[in-house]
Amino acid sequence: MDTKHFGFKAAVAVLFAVVLATYGFYWLGISQLHDHVQRLAVASNHLKQGESFHSAIHSMLLDAEGFYKSGGQAVYREQYQVHLAKAEKALAELRDHVRHMPPGKAREAVNRQTEGITSAFTDYKDALGRIMAGDLSQAGRRLAWCAAKFNSIFKKYYVHLHDHHAHIQTQLSQSSSQTWRATSTVFGLQLGLAVVAGLLVILYLDRVVLKIFNFTEGMAYRDKLTGLHNRAALDKLIKSLDGDENRPRRRYGLIMLDIDHFKNFNDTHGHQAGDHLLADFAGVIMANVRGQDRVVRYGGEEFLVVLKGVGPEEILAVAEKLRAAIAGRQFVLPDGHAASPVTASLGAAVYPQDGAHFQAVARRADARLYEAKEQGRNRVNGPKNVVEPTPGQ
């Protein structure tokens, strides 16, 4: 073998090994960021369950008050039972969250708050239960006591859970920033080495480098089951949407979708069929949005569609199109048999009418999604009576 050729190949091998090593470090950084996002998702879900619990017990109070004032109409008792079940489910998930927390002071603090909520809710439920059982003799006094108890639960316990979530978010934000800075530095080195390697062996390694890059990006920013963008990709998209305060932002819309009764579907047909449904459901969404729109698997059976340059009327039209397409689609099970009917509830919101930044708009869309579920599912809730944005927004 020619010495010159041997030295050239050895140099290429060394460069390639260094590039692979930096890719490994880059993947480690992405994995750490993914872990931070997962932990943030757990904290957000915990907060969502707290909000669901708070909403449900407030609805219970309103149902009991309506039952009392109407002289015992059965519709209020039915609504009360629905909200009671929702509150108990949310409380069970709050307690389950504590059981999965690592041992330590944080777990002990959250456990105290959660058990305090549980004890207060038991008294609250018992007092309302007497009214809903038909004992209206002291209903006014009991309702007043329950209203005070509701406020007490919020002030004494729920606010502390919010503080806990805020602390977690701060920690994850700091850790993510540190990981991102380290990863960015290594990526800079990686990029430089990749350029050198590409110049040396442009005819041989350019396609290999491109394939490795696409593979890494796909693994990091795509959901494995559905092929949609994941929460890591959404973080990058949020930065482009919110942008620099000195740069004019263009309007955009968000649509939150959630498969109705997905747990029942899983319980009936099995988790393999549930995964099959999620993949097909993602395909229906992609087939009914524009190529420039972004579809994200937001979590579990919940999806997010980001549409640039749309206003209230357009976002509602797209949301209704998606709802109708899903309701009209005959999904099939992995064995080829027809699945039970599948529908979705959707919540839509637009920037800037529904919020000054992405998170505010997303919260509005999520709230409308849950309103759609509470109002019967298989429906769209979106912006109404909104003011069109000024030119340039």
Protein backbone atom coordinates (compact mmCIF):
# COMPACT_ATOMS: atom_id res chain seq x y z
CA MET A 1 0.00 0.00 0.00
CA ASP A 2 1.27 3.45 -0.91
CA THR A 3 2.45 5.34 2.21
CA LYS A 4 0.76 8.51 1.08
CA HIS A 5 -2.56 6.73 0.63
CA PHE A 6 -2.18 5.00 3.99
CA GLY A 7 -1.61 8.30 5.78
CA PHE A 8 -4.59 9.85 4.02
CA LYS A 9 -6.88 6.99 5.03
CA ALA A 10 -5.57 7.03 8.60
CA ALA A 11 -6.28 10.78 8.84
CA VAL A 12 -9.78 10.20 7.49
CA ALA A 13 -10.33 7.38 9.98
CA VAL A 14 -9.24 9.59 12.89
CA LEU A 15 -11.45 12.45 11.76
CA PHE A 16 -14.39 10.11 11.30
CA ALA A 17 -13.86 8.62 14.77
CA VAL A 18 -13.81 12.12 16.32
CA VAL A 19 -16.95 13.06 14.42
CA LEU A 20 -18.70 9.92 15.69
CA ALA A 21 -17.57 10.70 19.24
CA THR A 22 -18.98 14.21 19.03
CA TYR A 23 -22.23 12.80 17.67
CA GLY A 24 -22.38 10.58 20.72
CA PHE A 25 -21.95 13.59 22.98
CA TYR A 26 -24.55 15.48 20.98
CA TRP A 27 -27.01 12.61 21.37
CA LEU A 28 -26.30 12.54 25.10
CA GLY A 29 -27.15 16.24 25.29
CA ILE A 30 -30.38 15.70 23.34
CA SER A 31 -31.26 12.81 25.65
CA GLN A 32 -30.77 15.02 28.70
CA LEU A 33 -32.94 17.73 27.17
CA HIS A 34 -35.55 15.09 26.37
CA ASP A 35 -35.43 13.95 30.00
CA HIS A 36 -35.99 17.55 31.11
CA VAL A 37 -38.96 17.83 28.77
CA GLN A 38 -40.38 14.55 30.09
CA ARG A 39 -40.05 15.75 33.67
CA LEU A 40 -41.64 19.05 32.71
CA ALA A 41 -44.47 17.12 31.05
CA VAL A 42 -45.00 15.15 34.28
CA ALA A 43 -45.09 18.40 36.29
CA SER A 44 -47.47 19.95 33.76
CA ASN A 45 -49.73 16.91 33.93
CA HIS A 46 -49.71 17.15 37.72
CA LEU A 47 -50.70 20.79 37.46
CA LYS A 48 -53.39 19.91 34.92
CA GLN A 49 -54.86 17.32 37.29
CA GLY A 50 -54.84 19.92 40.06
CA GLU A 51 -56.71 22.33 37.82
CA SER A 52 -59.13 19.59 36.82
CA PHE A 53 -59.75 18.81 40.50
CA HIS A 54 -60.24 22.49 41.34
CA SER A 55 -62.69 22.90 38.44
CA ALA A 56 -64.61 19.76 39.36
CA ILE A 57 -65.15 20.63 43.04
CA HIS A 58 -66.24 24.12 42.05
CA SER A 59 -68.77 22.57 39.65
CA MET A 60 -69.95 20.27 42.46
CA LEU A 61 -70.68 23.33 44.60
CA LEU A 62 -72.62 24.97 41.77
CA ASP A 63 -74.56 21.74 41.15
CA ALA A 64 -75.52 21.47 44.82
CA GLU A 65 -76.58 25.11 44.88
CA GLY A 66 -78.70 24.57 41.75
CA PHE A 67 -80.22 21.44 43.27
CA TYR A 68 -81.15 23.34 46.41
CA LYS A 69 -82.60 26.38 44.64
CA SER A 70 -84.58 24.27 42.14
CA GLY A 71 -86.15 22.23 44.91
CA GLY A 72 -84.33 19.05 43.99
CA GLN A 73 -84.35 18.80 40.18
CA ALA A 74 -82.78 15.51 39.07
CA VAL A 75 -80.60 17.11 36.36
CA TYR A 76 -78.45 18.76 39.01
CA ARG A 77 -77.94 15.43 40.76
CA GLU A 78 -76.79 13.86 37.48
CA GLN A 79 -74.36 16.71 36.81
CA TYR A 80 -73.10 16.47 40.39
CA GLN A 81 -72.28 12.78 39.97
CA VAL A 82 -70.31 13.51 36.79
CA HIS A 83 -68.28 16.25 38.47
CA LEU A 84 -67.81 14.13 41.61
CA ALA A 85 -66.34 11.33 39.49
CA LYS A 86 -64.07 13.81 37.73
CA ALA A 87 -62.86 15.23 41.07
CA GLU A 88 -62.19 11.77 42.52
CA LYS A 89 -60.32 10.72 39.37
CA ALA A 90 -58.17 13.87 39.43
CA LEU A 91 -57.48 13.42 43.15
CA ALA A 92 -56.47 9.80 42.59
CA GLU A 93 -54.00 10.92 39.94
CA LEU A 94 -52.62 13.62 42.22
CA ARG A 95 -51.98 10.96 44.88
CA ASP A 96 -50.52 8.58 42.30
CA HIS A 97 -48.12 11.35 41.24
CA VAL A 98 -46.79 11.50 44.81
CA ARG A 99 -46.21 7.73 44.86
CA HIS A 100 -44.00 8.00 41.78
CA MET A 101 -41.90 10.89 43.10
CA PRO A 102 -38.38 10.05 44.31
CA PRO A 103 -37.98 10.05 48.11
CA GLY A 104 -36.98 13.34 49.65
CA LYS A 105 -38.20 16.62 51.07
CA ALA A 106 -40.03 17.59 47.88
CA ARG A 107 -42.06 14.39 47.98
CA GLU A 108 -42.86 14.85 51.65
CA ALA A 109 -44.03 18.42 51.05
CA VAL A 110 -46.21 17.49 48.08
CA ASN A 111 -47.57 14.51 49.98
CA ARG A 112 -48.61 16.75 52.89
CA GLN A 113 -50.42 19.08 50.54
CA THR A 114 -52.07 16.23 48.67
CA GLU A 115 -53.22 14.46 51.81
CA GLY A 116 -54.48 17.78 53.16
CA ILE A 117 -56.53 18.22 50.00
CA THR A 118 -57.82 14.65 50.36
CA SER A 119 -58.95 15.20 53.95
CA ALA A 120 -60.58 18.54 53.14
CA PHE A 121 -62.29 17.06 50.09
CA THR A 122 -63.76 14.24 52.17
CA ASP A 123 -65.47 16.74 54.48
CA TYR A 124 -66.49 18.87 51.52
CA LYS A 125 -67.97 15.90 49.67
CA ASP A 126 -69.84 14.67 52.75
CA ALA A 127 -71.47 18.05 53.31
CA LEU A 128 -72.55 18.36 49.68
CA GLY A 129 -73.60 14.72 49.63
CA ARG A 130 -76.22 15.37 52.31
CA ILE A 131 -77.76 18.08 50.17
CA MET A 132 -77.72 15.91 47.05
CA ALA A 133 -79.30 13.08 49.07
CA GLY A 134 -82.33 15.31 49.57
CA ASP A 135 -81.64 16.75 53.02
CA LEU A 136 -82.43 20.41 52.29
CA SER A 137 -83.30 21.41 55.85
CA GLN A 138 -79.91 23.06 56.47
CA ALA A 139 -78.79 23.33 52.86
CA GLY A 140 -78.14 27.08 52.97
CA ARG A 141 -75.81 26.78 55.93
CA ARG A 142 -74.03 23.77 54.42
CA LEU A 143 -73.56 25.55 51.10
CA ALA A 144 -71.99 28.53 52.87
CA TRP A 145 -69.69 26.18 54.78
CA CYS A 146 -68.72 24.39 51.54
CA ALA A 147 -67.99 27.68 49.80
CA ALA A 148 -65.63 28.58 52.63
CA LYS A 149 -64.07 25.11 52.48
CA PHE A 150 -63.58 25.47 48.70
CA ASN A 151 -61.69 28.73 49.23
CA SER A 152 -59.69 27.12 52.02
CA ILE A 153 -58.61 24.21 49.80
CA PHE A 154 -57.35 26.64 47.19
CA LYS A 155 -55.52 28.96 49.57
CA LYS A 156 -54.15 26.39 51.99
CA TYR A 157 -53.11 23.62 49.60
CA TYR A 158 -53.52 24.30 45.92
CA VAL A 159 -51.36 27.46 45.92
CA HIS A 160 -48.50 25.46 47.45
CA LEU A 161 -48.73 22.91 44.63
CA HIS A 162 -48.42 25.78 42.16
CA ASP A 163 -45.27 26.93 43.97
CA HIS A 164 -43.91 23.38 43.74
CA HIS A 165 -44.47 23.33 39.98
CA ALA A 166 -42.86 26.74 39.56
CA HIS A 167 -39.76 25.49 41.45
CA ILE A 168 -39.54 22.41 39.21
CA GLN A 169 -39.86 24.51 36.08
CA THR A 170 -37.08 26.83 37.25
CA GLN A 171 -34.76 23.89 37.98
CA LEU A 172 -35.47 22.25 34.62
CA SER A 173 -34.99 25.54 32.79
CA GLN A 174 -31.56 26.05 34.39
CA SER A 175 -30.50 22.44 33.74
CA SER A 176 -31.72 22.63 30.14
CA SER A 177 -29.76 25.84 29.56
CA GLN A 178 -26.56 24.26 30.90
CA THR A 179 -27.04 21.15 28.76
CA TRP A 180 -27.83 23.20 25.71
CA ARG A 181 -24.72 25.37 26.08
CA ALA A 182 -22.48 22.33 26.41
CA THR A 183 -24.17 20.61 23.48
CA SER A 184 -23.89 23.73 21.34
CA THR A 185 -20.14 23.95 22.00
CA VAL A 186 -19.61 20.32 21.07
CA PHE A 187 -21.84 20.72 18.06
CA GLY A 188 -19.68 23.63 16.90
CA LEU A 189 -16.61 21.39 17.13
CA GLN A 190 -18.51 18.62 15.41
CA LEU A 191 -19.53 20.90 12.58
CA GLY A 192 -15.97 22.08 12.04
CA LEU A 193 -14.64 18.54 11.92
CA ALA A 194 -17.43 17.48 9.62
CA VAL A 195 -16.48 20.27 7.20
CA VAL A 196 -12.83 19.20 7.25
CA ALA A 197 -13.77 15.58 6.72
CA GLY A 198 -16.12 16.56 3.93
CA LEU A 199 -13.40 18.54 2.15
CA LEU A 200 -11.01 15.60 2.39
CA VAL A 201 -13.36 12.89 1.23
CA ILE A 202 -16.22 14.78 -0.40
CA LEU A 203 -16.78 12.05 -2.95
CA TYR A 204 -17.10 9.32 -0.33
CA LEU A 205 -18.43 10.62 2.96
CA ASP A 206 -20.84 13.45 2.09
CA ARG A 207 -23.82 11.12 1.83
CA VAL A 208 -22.82 9.23 4.98
CA VAL A 209 -22.62 12.45 7.01
CA LEU A 210 -26.00 13.56 5.65
CA LYS A 211 -27.61 10.25 6.57
CA ILE A 212 -26.20 10.39 10.10
CA PHE A 213 -27.44 13.95 10.53
CA ASN A 214 -30.94 13.10 9.27
CA PHE A 215 -31.06 10.03 11.50
CA THR A 216 -30.03 12.04 14.58
CA GLU A 217 -32.49 14.83 13.83
CA GLY A 218 -35.28 12.36 13.16
CA MET A 219 -34.66 10.51 16.41
CA ALA A 220 -34.52 13.73 18.39
CA TYR A 221 -37.49 15.62 16.93
CA ARG A 222 -39.92 12.97 15.75
CA ASP A 223 -42.39 10.85 17.68
CA LYS A 224 -41.52 7.19 17.03
CA LEU A 225 -45.12 5.93 16.96
CA THR A 226 -46.82 8.54 14.77
CA GLY A 227 -43.92 10.12 12.91
CA LEU A 228 -45.18 13.57 13.95
CA HIS A 229 -43.09 16.30 15.55
CA ASN A 230 -42.53 15.79 19.28
CA ARG A 231 -42.31 18.20 22.20
CA ALA A 232 -38.59 18.80 21.56
CA ALA A 233 -39.39 19.98 18.03
CA LEU A 234 -42.21 22.10 19.44
CA ASP A 235 -39.75 23.92 21.71
CA LYS A 236 -37.81 25.06 18.64
CA LEU A 237 -41.01 26.07 16.87
CA ILE A 238 -42.13 28.13 19.87
CA LYS A 239 -38.92 30.15 19.69
CA SER A 240 -39.58 30.97 16.04
CA LEU A 241 -43.20 31.93 16.77
CA ASP A 242 -42.50 34.11 19.80
CA GLY A 243 -39.23 35.41 18.34
CA ASP A 244 -37.44 38.57 19.30
CA GLU A 245 -39.55 41.31 20.88
CA ASN A 246 -38.02 43.81 18.43
CA ARG A 247 -39.11 41.78 15.41
CA PRO A 248 -42.74 42.00 14.19
CA ARG A 249 -44.57 38.74 14.73
CA ARG A 250 -47.08 37.26 12.35
CA ARG A 251 -50.37 35.88 13.51
CA TYR A 252 -50.85 32.14 13.95
CA GLY A 253 -53.39 29.68 15.32
CA LEU A 254 -53.29 26.57 17.51
CA ILE A 255 -55.68 23.62 17.48
CA MET A 256 -55.61 21.14 20.34
CA LEU A 257 -57.15 17.72 19.55
CA ASP A 258 -57.90 14.94 21.99
CA ILE A 259 -59.32 11.52 21.07
CA ASP A 260 -62.64 11.02 22.85
CA HIS A 261 -62.83 8.03 25.22
CA PHE A 262 -59.37 6.78 24.20
CA LYS A 263 -58.98 4.89 27.48
CA ASN A 264 -62.19 2.97 26.77
CA PHE A 265 -60.86 2.16 23.28
CA ASN A 266 -57.65 0.78 24.81
CA ASP A 267 -59.57 -1.19 27.43
CA THR A 268 -61.85 -2.66 24.75
CA HIS A 269 -59.39 -3.44 21.97
CA GLY A 270 -56.01 -3.50 23.72
CA HIS A 271 -52.98 -1.22 23.73
CA GLN A 272 -51.68 -2.53 20.41
CA ALA A 273 -54.92 -1.40 18.78
CA GLY A 274 -54.61 1.92 20.65
CA ASP A 275 -51.14 2.48 19.16
CA HIS A 276 -52.49 1.55 15.73
CA LEU A 277 -55.29 4.09 16.18
CA LEU A 278 -52.86 6.84 17.21
CA ALA A 279 -50.79 6.29 14.08
CA ASP A 280 -53.87 6.32 11.81
CA PHE A 281 -55.31 9.32 13.65
CA ALA A 282 -52.07 11.23 12.98
CA GLY A 283 -52.39 10.35 9.30
CA VAL A 284 -55.91 11.81 9.14
CA ILE A 285 -54.67 15.08 10.67
CA MET A 286 -51.73 15.33 8.26
CA ALA A 287 -54.04 14.70 5.30
CA ASN A 288 -56.30 17.60 6.25
CA VAL A 289 -53.79 20.40 6.94
CA ARG A 290 -51.43 22.35 4.71
CA GLY A 291 -47.88 21.29 4.04
CA GLN A 292 -46.61 24.37 5.86
CA ASP A 293 -48.58 23.56 9.01
CA ARG A 294 -46.93 21.70 11.87
CA VAL A 295 -48.54 18.76 13.67
CA VAL A 296 -47.16 17.75 17.08
CA ARG A 297 -47.97 14.79 19.26
CA TYR A 298 -48.53 16.85 22.38
CA GLY A 299 -48.85 13.92 24.78
CA GLY A 300 -50.73 10.61 24.94
CA GLU A 301 -53.83 10.93 22.76
CA GLU A 302 -53.54 14.73 22.54
CA PHE A 303 -52.26 16.46 19.40
CA LEU A 304 -51.42 20.06 18.49
CA VAL A 305 -51.68 21.71 15.06
CA VAL A 306 -49.77 24.97 14.51
CA LEU A 307 -51.04 27.05 11.58
CA LYS A 308 -49.21 30.20 10.52
CA GLY A 309 -50.96 33.24 9.09
CA VAL A 310 -54.53 32.37 10.13
CA GLY A 311 -57.22 34.29 12.01
CA PRO A 312 -60.34 33.28 13.98
CA GLU A 313 -62.45 32.34 10.98
CA GLU A 314 -59.76 30.27 9.30
CA ILE A 315 -58.80 28.40 12.45
CA LEU A 316 -62.42 27.46 13.13
CA ALA A 317 -62.85 26.25 9.53
CA VAL A 318 -59.75 24.03 9.75
CA ALA A 319 -60.78 22.70 13.18
CA GLU A 320 -64.25 21.77 11.92
CA LYS A 321 -62.70 20.15 8.85
CA LEU A 322 -60.51 18.02 11.11
CA ARG A 323 -63.42 17.12 13.39
CA ALA A 324 -65.58 16.03 10.45
CA ALA A 325 -62.72 14.07 8.84
CA ILE A 326 -62.06 12.16 12.07
CA ALA A 327 -65.74 11.48 12.76
CA GLY A 328 -66.23 10.31 9.16
CA ARG A 329 -63.18 8.05 9.09
CA GLN A 330 -63.66 4.31 9.56
CA PHE A 331 -60.63 3.29 11.61
CA VAL A 332 -59.61 -0.35 11.55
CA LEU A 333 -58.01 -2.61 14.11
CA PRO A 334 -54.63 -4.32 13.55
CA ASP A 335 -56.48 -7.52 12.52
CA GLY A 336 -58.33 -5.64 9.75
CA HIS A 337 -61.74 -5.49 11.45
CA ALA A 338 -63.58 -2.19 11.75
CA ALA A 339 -63.00 -0.36 15.02
CA SER A 340 -65.74 1.25 17.08
CA PRO A 341 -66.54 4.84 16.02
CA VAL A 342 -63.82 7.35 16.92
CA THR A 343 -64.38 11.08 17.45
CA ALA A 344 -62.28 13.95 18.76
CA SER A 345 -62.81 17.12 20.74
CA LEU A 346 -60.99 20.25 19.57
CA GLY A 347 -60.07 23.59 21.08
CA ALA A 348 -58.79 26.46 18.92
CA ALA A 349 -57.08 29.75 19.75
CA VAL A 350 -55.24 32.44 17.79
CA TYR A 351 -52.39 34.86 18.34
CA PRO A 352 -52.60 37.68 19.28
CA GLN A 353 -56.30 37.73 20.22
CA ASP A 354 -56.03 34.87 22.72
CA GLY A 355 -52.62 35.62 24.24
CA ALA A 356 -49.45 37.65 23.96
CA HIS A 357 -47.19 34.59 23.59
CA PHE A 358 -47.32 30.93 22.66
CA GLN A 359 -47.92 29.51 26.13
CA ALA A 360 -50.89 31.83 26.72
CA VAL A 361 -52.45 30.91 23.36
CA ALA A 362 -51.83 27.19 24.04
CA ARG A 363 -53.50 27.43 27.45
CA ARG A 364 -56.53 29.06 25.82
CA ALA A 365 -56.77 26.33 23.20
CA ASP A 366 -56.40 23.66 25.89
CA ALA A 367 -59.13 25.26 28.00
CA ARG A 368 -61.46 25.31 25.01
CA LEU A 369 -60.65 21.67 24.33
CA TYR A 370 -61.79 20.70 27.81
CA GLU A 371 -64.88 22.86 27.40
CA ALA A 372 -65.67 20.91 24.25
CA LYS A 373 -65.32 17.66 26.17
CA GLU A 374 -67.52 18.89 29.00
CA GLN A 375 -70.13 20.02 26.46
CA GLY A 376 -70.50 16.59 24.93
CA ARG A 377 -67.34 15.81 22.91
CA ASN A 378 -67.05 15.50 19.11
CA ARG A 379 -67.19 19.27 18.81
CA VAL A 380 -65.05 22.34 18.24
CA ASN A 381 -64.70 25.23 20.67
CA GLY A 382 -62.87 28.27 19.35
CA PRO A 383 -62.61 32.05 19.40
CA LYS A 384 -65.86 33.97 19.20
CA ASN A 385 -66.51 37.71 18.93
CA VAL A 386 -62.83 38.48 18.61
CA VAL A 387 -61.31 41.62 17.12
CA GLU A 388 -59.29 41.20 13.94
CA PRO A 389 -55.55 42.01 14.42
CA THR A 390 -54.14 45.29 13.23
CA PRO A 391 -52.20 45.23 9.91
CA GLY A 392 -48.80 43.58 10.17
CA GLN A 393 -49.73 41.19 13.01
